[in-house]
Amino acid sequence: MAKKETKVHTGFRLSKNNLDFIEDMGNSLGLNKTNVVDMILTIVRNDTALVVKLIKNSITKK
C-alpha cells in the first residue's frame, strides 16, 4: 500500500516570469499550476546532484 501523502497549503509568491513559466508548462502538459510545481520539486528531490550540477553550469557559463 502506498504511503498517504498530505497536501499542505503554502500560499507563497512567485515572480511573474516564473508564474508564466509554470502556466505554460501546465498548458503543455495538461496539468494545473500546483501539479507543475509539485512535479518540478519531485524531479529536483529525486536527483539533487544533477540539479546542483545544472545550476552551477548555468551560473558559470555566461
PDB file of N, CA and C in Angstrom:
ATOM      1  N   MET A   1       0.843  -1.179   0.000  1.00  0.00           N
ATOM      2  CA  MET A   1       0.000   0.000   0.000  1.00  0.00           C
ATOM      3  C   MET A   1       0.886   1.240   0.000  1.00  0.00           C
ATOM      4  N   ALA A   2       0.520   2.211  -0.810  1.00  0.00           N
ATOM      5  CA  ALA A   2       1.308   3.441  -0.912  1.00  0.00           C
ATOM      6  C   ALA A   2       1.102   4.314   0.323  1.00  0.00           C
ATOM      7  N   LYS A   3       2.156   4.996   0.705  1.00  0.00           N
ATOM      8  CA  LYS A   3       2.102   5.926   1.829  1.00  0.00           C
ATOM      9  C   LYS A   3       1.191   7.099   1.458  1.00  0.00           C
ATOM     10  N   LYS A   4       0.267   7.447   2.325  1.00  0.00           N
ATOM     11  CA  LYS A   4      -0.664   8.543   2.064  1.00  0.00           C
ATOM     12  C   LYS A   4       0.069   9.874   2.139  1.00  0.00           C
ATOM     13  N   GLU A   5      -0.108  10.677   1.101  1.00  0.00           N
ATOM     14  CA  GLU A   5       0.529  11.991   1.075  1.00  0.00           C
ATOM     15  C   GLU A   5      -0.459  13.038   1.566  1.00  0.00           C
ATOM     16  N   THR A   6       0.037  13.944   2.364  1.00  0.00           N
ATOM     17  CA  THR A   6      -0.768  15.052   2.839  1.00  0.00           C
ATOM     18  C   THR A   6      -0.375  16.301   2.081  1.00  0.00           C
ATOM     19  N   LYS A   7      -1.343  16.977   1.513  1.00  0.00           N
ATOM     20  CA  LYS A   7      -1.071  18.214   0.795  1.00  0.00           C
ATOM     21  C   LYS A   7      -1.101  19.376   1.789  1.00  0.00           C
ATOM     22  N   VAL A   8      -0.167  20.279   1.647  1.00  0.00           N
ATOM     23  CA  VAL A   8      -0.048  21.405   2.560  1.00  0.00           C
ATOM     24  C   VAL A   8      -0.208  22.689   1.765  1.00  0.00           C
ATOM     25  N   HIS A   9      -1.114  23.555   2.181  1.00  0.00           N
ATOM     26  CA  HIS A   9      -1.290  24.851   1.529  1.00  0.00           C
ATOM     27  C   HIS A   9      -0.093  25.732   1.878  1.00  0.00           C
ATOM     28  N   THR A  10       0.562  26.269   0.843  1.00  0.00           N
ATOM     29  CA  THR A  10       1.773  27.050   1.088  1.00  0.00           C
ATOM     30  C   THR A  10       1.534  28.543   1.030  1.00  0.00           C
ATOM     31  N   GLY A  11       0.773  28.999   0.066  1.00  0.00           N
ATOM     32  CA  GLY A  11       0.492  30.427  -0.041  1.00  0.00           C
ATOM     33  C   GLY A  11       1.720  31.270  -0.347  1.00  0.00           C
ATOM     34  N   PHE A  12       2.696  30.736  -1.099  1.00  0.00           N
ATOM     35  CA  PHE A  12       3.897  31.501  -1.404  1.00  0.00           C
ATOM     36  C   PHE A  12       3.716  32.311  -2.685  1.00  0.00           C
ATOM     37  N   ARG A  13       4.602  33.279  -2.877  1.00  0.00           N
ATOM     38  CA  ARG A  13       4.535  34.153  -4.040  1.00  0.00           C
ATOM     39  C   ARG A  13       5.620  33.792  -5.037  1.00  0.00           C
ATOM     40  N   LEU A  14       5.328  34.034  -6.325  1.00  0.00           N
ATOM     41  CA  LEU A  14       6.284  33.803  -7.401  1.00  0.00           C
ATOM     42  C   LEU A  14       6.420  35.070  -8.228  1.00  0.00           C
ATOM     43  N   SER A  15       7.554  35.190  -8.898  1.00  0.00           N
ATOM     44  CA  SER A  15       7.698  36.303  -9.834  1.00  0.00           C
ATOM     45  C   SER A  15       6.761  36.055 -11.020  1.00  0.00           C
ATOM     46  N   LYS A  16       6.426  37.095 -11.732  1.00  0.00           N
ATOM     47  CA  LYS A  16       5.543  36.981 -12.897  1.00  0.00           C
ATOM     48  C   LYS A  16       6.143  36.047 -13.942  1.00  0.00           C
ATOM     49  N   ASN A  17       7.460  36.146 -14.173  1.00  0.00           N
ATOM     50  CA  ASN A  17       8.112  35.272 -15.151  1.00  0.00           C
ATOM     51  C   ASN A  17       8.008  33.800 -14.760  1.00  0.00           C
ATOM     52  N   ASN A  18       8.199  33.495 -13.475  1.00  0.00           N
ATOM     53  CA  ASN A  18       8.104  32.110 -13.029  1.00  0.00           C
ATOM     54  C   ASN A  18       6.671  31.600 -13.083  1.00  0.00           C
ATOM     55  N   LEU A  19       5.723  32.451 -12.757  1.00  0.00           N
ATOM     56  CA  LEU A  19       4.320  32.057 -12.852  1.00  0.00           C
ATOM     57  C   LEU A  19       3.939  31.787 -14.304  1.00  0.00           C
ATOM     58  N   ASP A  20       4.397  32.646 -15.214  1.00  0.00           N
ATOM     59  CA  ASP A  20       4.140  32.423 -16.641  1.00  0.00           C
ATOM     60  C   ASP A  20       4.735  31.098 -17.098  1.00  0.00           C
ATOM     61  N   PHE A  21       5.953  30.804 -16.641  1.00  0.00           N
ATOM     62  CA  PHE A  21       6.617  29.548 -16.980  1.00  0.00           C
ATOM     63  C   PHE A  21       5.800  28.355 -16.488  1.00  0.00           C
ATOM     64  N   ILE A  22       5.338  28.411 -15.254  1.00  0.00           N
ATOM     65  CA  ILE A  22       4.545  27.322 -14.677  1.00  0.00           C
ATOM     66  C   ILE A  22       3.236  27.158 -15.437  1.00  0.00           C
ATOM     67  N   GLU A  23       2.585  28.264 -15.783  1.00  0.00           N
ATOM     68  CA  GLU A  23       1.343  28.189 -16.544  1.00  0.00           C
ATOM     69  C   GLU A  23       1.575  27.597 -17.931  1.00  0.00           C
ATOM     70  N   ASP A  24       2.661  28.011 -18.592  1.00  0.00           N
ATOM     71  CA  ASP A  24       2.980  27.475 -19.918  1.00  0.00           C
ATOM     72  C   ASP A  24       3.264  25.976 -19.853  1.00  0.00           C
ATOM     73  N   MET A  25       4.031  25.555 -18.846  1.00  0.00           N
ATOM     74  CA  MET A  25       4.305  24.122 -18.687  1.00  0.00           C
ATOM     75  C   MET A  25       3.020  23.357 -18.405  1.00  0.00           C
ATOM     76  N   GLY A  26       2.179  23.932 -17.577  1.00  0.00           N
ATOM     77  CA  GLY A  26       0.906  23.284 -17.268  1.00  0.00           C
ATOM     78  C   GLY A  26       0.043  23.125 -18.500  1.00  0.00           C
ATOM     79  N   ASN A  27      -0.004  24.160 -19.326  1.00  0.00           N
ATOM     80  CA  ASN A  27      -0.787  24.072 -20.556  1.00  0.00           C
ATOM     81  C   ASN A  27      -0.213  23.018 -21.497  1.00  0.00           C
ATOM     82  N   SER A  28       1.113  22.956 -21.597  1.00  0.00           N
ATOM     83  CA  SER A  28       1.764  21.982 -22.478  1.00  0.00           C
ATOM     84  C   SER A  28       1.546  20.546 -22.005  1.00  0.00           C
ATOM     85  N   LEU A  29       1.553  20.357 -20.685  1.00  0.00           N
ATOM     86  CA  LEU A  29       1.457  19.009 -20.117  1.00  0.00           C
ATOM     87  C   LEU A  29       0.042  18.617 -19.698  1.00  0.00           C
ATOM     88  N   GLY A  30      -0.885  19.571 -19.749  1.00  0.00           N
ATOM     89  CA  GLY A  30      -2.247  19.291 -19.308  1.00  0.00           C
ATOM     90  C   GLY A  30      -2.374  19.182 -17.802  1.00  0.00           C
ATOM     91  N   LEU A  31      -1.550  19.963 -17.086  1.00  0.00           N
ATOM     92  CA  LEU A  31      -1.551  19.948 -15.626  1.00  0.00           C
ATOM     93  C   LEU A  31      -1.938  21.316 -15.086  1.00  0.00           C
ATOM     94  N   ASN A  32      -2.421  21.342 -13.847  1.00  0.00           N
ATOM     95  CA  ASN A  32      -2.664  22.642 -13.218  1.00  0.00           C
ATOM     96  C   ASN A  32      -1.364  23.146 -12.600  1.00  0.00           C
ATOM     97  N   LYS A  33      -1.363  24.389 -12.150  1.00  0.00           N
ATOM     98  CA  LYS A  33      -0.136  25.011 -11.642  1.00  0.00           C
ATOM     99  C   LYS A  33       0.425  24.275 -10.434  1.00  0.00           C
ATOM    100  N   THR A  34      -0.441  23.833  -9.541  1.00  0.00           N
ATOM    101  CA  THR A  34       0.023  23.105  -8.359  1.00  0.00           C
ATOM    102  C   THR A  34       0.731  21.822  -8.753  1.00  0.00           C
ATOM    103  N   ASN A  35       0.172  21.097  -9.711  1.00  0.00           N
ATOM    104  CA  ASN A  35       0.791  19.843 -10.144  1.00  0.00           C
ATOM    105  C   ASN A  35       2.120  20.086 -10.845  1.00  0.00           C
ATOM    106  N   VAL A  36       2.247  21.189 -11.570  1.00  0.00           N
ATOM    107  CA  VAL A  36       3.518  21.509 -12.231  1.00  0.00           C
ATOM    108  C   VAL A  36       4.592  21.782 -11.180  1.00  0.00           C
ATOM    109  N   VAL A  37       4.276  22.595 -10.192  1.00  0.00           N
ATOM    110  CA  VAL A  37       5.251  22.891  -9.132  1.00  0.00           C
ATOM    111  C   VAL A  37       5.618  21.606  -8.393  1.00  0.00           C
ATOM    112  N   ASP A  38       4.638  20.767  -8.075  1.00  0.00           N
ATOM    113  CA  ASP A  38       4.890  19.511  -7.392  1.00  0.00           C
ATOM    114  C   ASP A  38       5.777  18.606  -8.240  1.00  0.00           C
ATOM    115  N   MET A  39       5.537  18.552  -9.548  1.00  0.00           N
ATOM    116  CA  MET A  39       6.343  17.736 -10.451  1.00  0.00           C
ATOM    117  C   MET A  39       7.794  18.218 -10.476  1.00  0.00           C
ATOM    118  N   ILE A  40       7.984  19.532 -10.600  1.00  0.00           N
ATOM    119  CA  ILE A  40       9.336  20.092 -10.636  1.00  0.00           C
ATOM    120  C   ILE A  40      10.081  19.775  -9.346  1.00  0.00           C
ATOM    121  N   LEU A  41       9.421  19.953  -8.216  1.00  0.00           N
ATOM    122  CA  LEU A  41      10.068  19.670  -6.933  1.00  0.00           C
ATOM    123  C   LEU A  41      10.368  18.186  -6.773  1.00  0.00           C
ATOM    124  N   THR A  42       9.514  17.317  -7.283  1.00  0.00           N
ATOM    125  CA  THR A  42       9.762  15.877  -7.230  1.00  0.00           C
ATOM    126  C   THR A  42      10.995  15.519  -8.044  1.00  0.00           C
ATOM    127  N   ILE A  43      11.128  16.104  -9.224  1.00  0.00           N
ATOM    128  CA  ILE A  43      12.304  15.857 -10.057  1.00  0.00           C
ATOM    129  C   ILE A  43      13.564  16.329  -9.340  1.00  0.00           C
ATOM    130  N   VAL A  44      13.511  17.524  -8.767  1.00  0.00           N
ATOM    131  CA  VAL A  44      14.662  18.070  -8.047  1.00  0.00           C
ATOM    132  C   VAL A  44      15.010  17.171  -6.857  1.00  0.00           C
ATOM    133  N   ARG A  45      14.017  16.753  -6.124  1.00  0.00           N
ATOM    134  CA  ARG A  45      14.252  15.924  -4.932  1.00  0.00           C
ATOM    135  C   ARG A  45      14.836  14.564  -5.300  1.00  0.00           C
ATOM    136  N   ASN A  46      14.414  14.007  -6.431  1.00  0.00           N
ATOM    137  CA  ASN A  46      14.872  12.674  -6.824  1.00  0.00           C
ATOM    138  C   ASN A  46      16.289  12.667  -7.381  1.00  0.00           C
ATOM    139  N   ASP A  47      16.783  13.802  -7.882  1.00  0.00           N
ATOM    140  CA  ASP A  47      18.149  13.835  -8.421  1.00  0.00           C
ATOM    141  C   ASP A  47      18.785  15.189  -8.107  1.00  0.00           C
ATOM    142  N   THR A  48      19.026  15.419  -6.831  1.00  0.00           N
ATOM    143  CA  THR A  48      19.559  16.720  -6.405  1.00  0.00           C
ATOM    144  C   THR A  48      20.951  16.979  -6.962  1.00  0.00           C
ATOM    145  N   ALA A  49      21.755  15.938  -7.106  1.00  0.00           N
ATOM    146  CA  ALA A  49      23.115  16.136  -7.632  1.00  0.00           C
ATOM    147  C   ALA A  49      23.068  16.683  -9.054  1.00  0.00           C
ATOM    148  N   LEU A  50      22.174  16.161  -9.874  1.00  0.00           N
ATOM    149  CA  LEU A  50      22.039  16.642 -11.244  1.00  0.00           C
ATOM    150  C   LEU A  50      21.563  18.089 -11.268  1.00  0.00           C
ATOM    151  N   VAL A  51      20.611  18.417 -10.423  1.00  0.00           N
ATOM    152  CA  VAL A  51      20.083  19.785 -10.378  1.00  0.00           C
ATOM    153  C   VAL A  51      21.170  20.760  -9.934  1.00  0.00           C
ATOM    154  N   VAL A  52      21.944  20.389  -8.939  1.00  0.00           N
ATOM    155  CA  VAL A  52      23.041  21.247  -8.475  1.00  0.00           C
ATOM    156  C   VAL A  52      24.039  21.459  -9.601  1.00  0.00           C
ATOM    157  N   LYS A  53      24.359  20.393 -10.314  1.00  0.00           N
ATOM    158  CA  LYS A  53      25.296  20.493 -11.438  1.00  0.00           C
ATOM    159  C   LYS A  53      24.746  21.424 -12.521  1.00  0.00           C
ATOM    160  N   LEU A  54      23.464  21.289 -12.854  1.00  0.00           N
ATOM    161  CA  LEU A  54      22.853  22.150 -13.863  1.00  0.00           C
ATOM    162  C   LEU A  54      22.858  23.618 -13.439  1.00  0.00           C
ATOM    163  N   ILE A  55      22.571  23.868 -12.167  1.00  0.00           N
ATOM    164  CA  ILE A  55      22.581  25.240 -11.664  1.00  0.00           C
ATOM    165  C   ILE A  55      23.992  25.810 -11.717  1.00  0.00           C
ATOM    166  N   LYS A  56      24.976  25.040 -11.273  1.00  0.00           N
ATOM    167  CA  LYS A  56      26.365  25.511 -11.324  1.00  0.00           C
ATOM    168  C   LYS A  56      26.787  25.808 -12.758  1.00  0.00           C
ATOM    169  N   ASN A  57      26.423  24.936 -13.696  1.00  0.00           N
ATOM    170  CA  ASN A  57      26.758  25.155 -15.100  1.00  0.00           C
ATOM    171  C   ASN A  57      26.086  26.409 -15.657  1.00  0.00           C
ATOM    172  N   SER A  58      24.860  26.648 -15.268  1.00  0.00           N
ATOM    173  CA  SER A  58      24.164  27.817 -15.808  1.00  0.00           C
ATOM    174  C   SER A  58      24.718  29.115 -15.227  1.00  0.00           C
ATOM    175  N   ILE A  59      25.246  29.073 -14.019  1.00  0.00           N
ATOM    176  CA  ILE A  59      25.815  30.265 -13.396  1.00  0.00           C
ATOM    177  C   ILE A  59      27.187  30.578 -13.975  1.00  0.00           C
ATOM    178  N   THR A  60      27.987  29.543 -14.200  1.00  0.00           N
ATOM    179  CA  THR A  60      29.359  29.791 -14.659  1.00  0.00           C
ATOM    180  C   THR A  60      29.461  30.064 -16.150  1.00  0.00           C
ATOM    181  N   LYS A  61      28.502  29.626 -16.935  1.00  0.00           N
ATOM    182  CA  LYS A  61      28.532  29.856 -18.392  1.00  0.00           C
ATOM    183  C   LYS A  61      27.704  31.093 -18.719  1.00  0.00           C
ATOM    184  N   LYS A  62      28.396  32.154 -19.112  1.00  0.00           N
ATOM    185  CA  LYS A  62      27.689  33.401 -19.411  1.00  0.00           C
ATOM    186  C   LYS A  62      27.715  33.695 -20.869  1.00  0.00           C
TER     187      LYS A  62
END
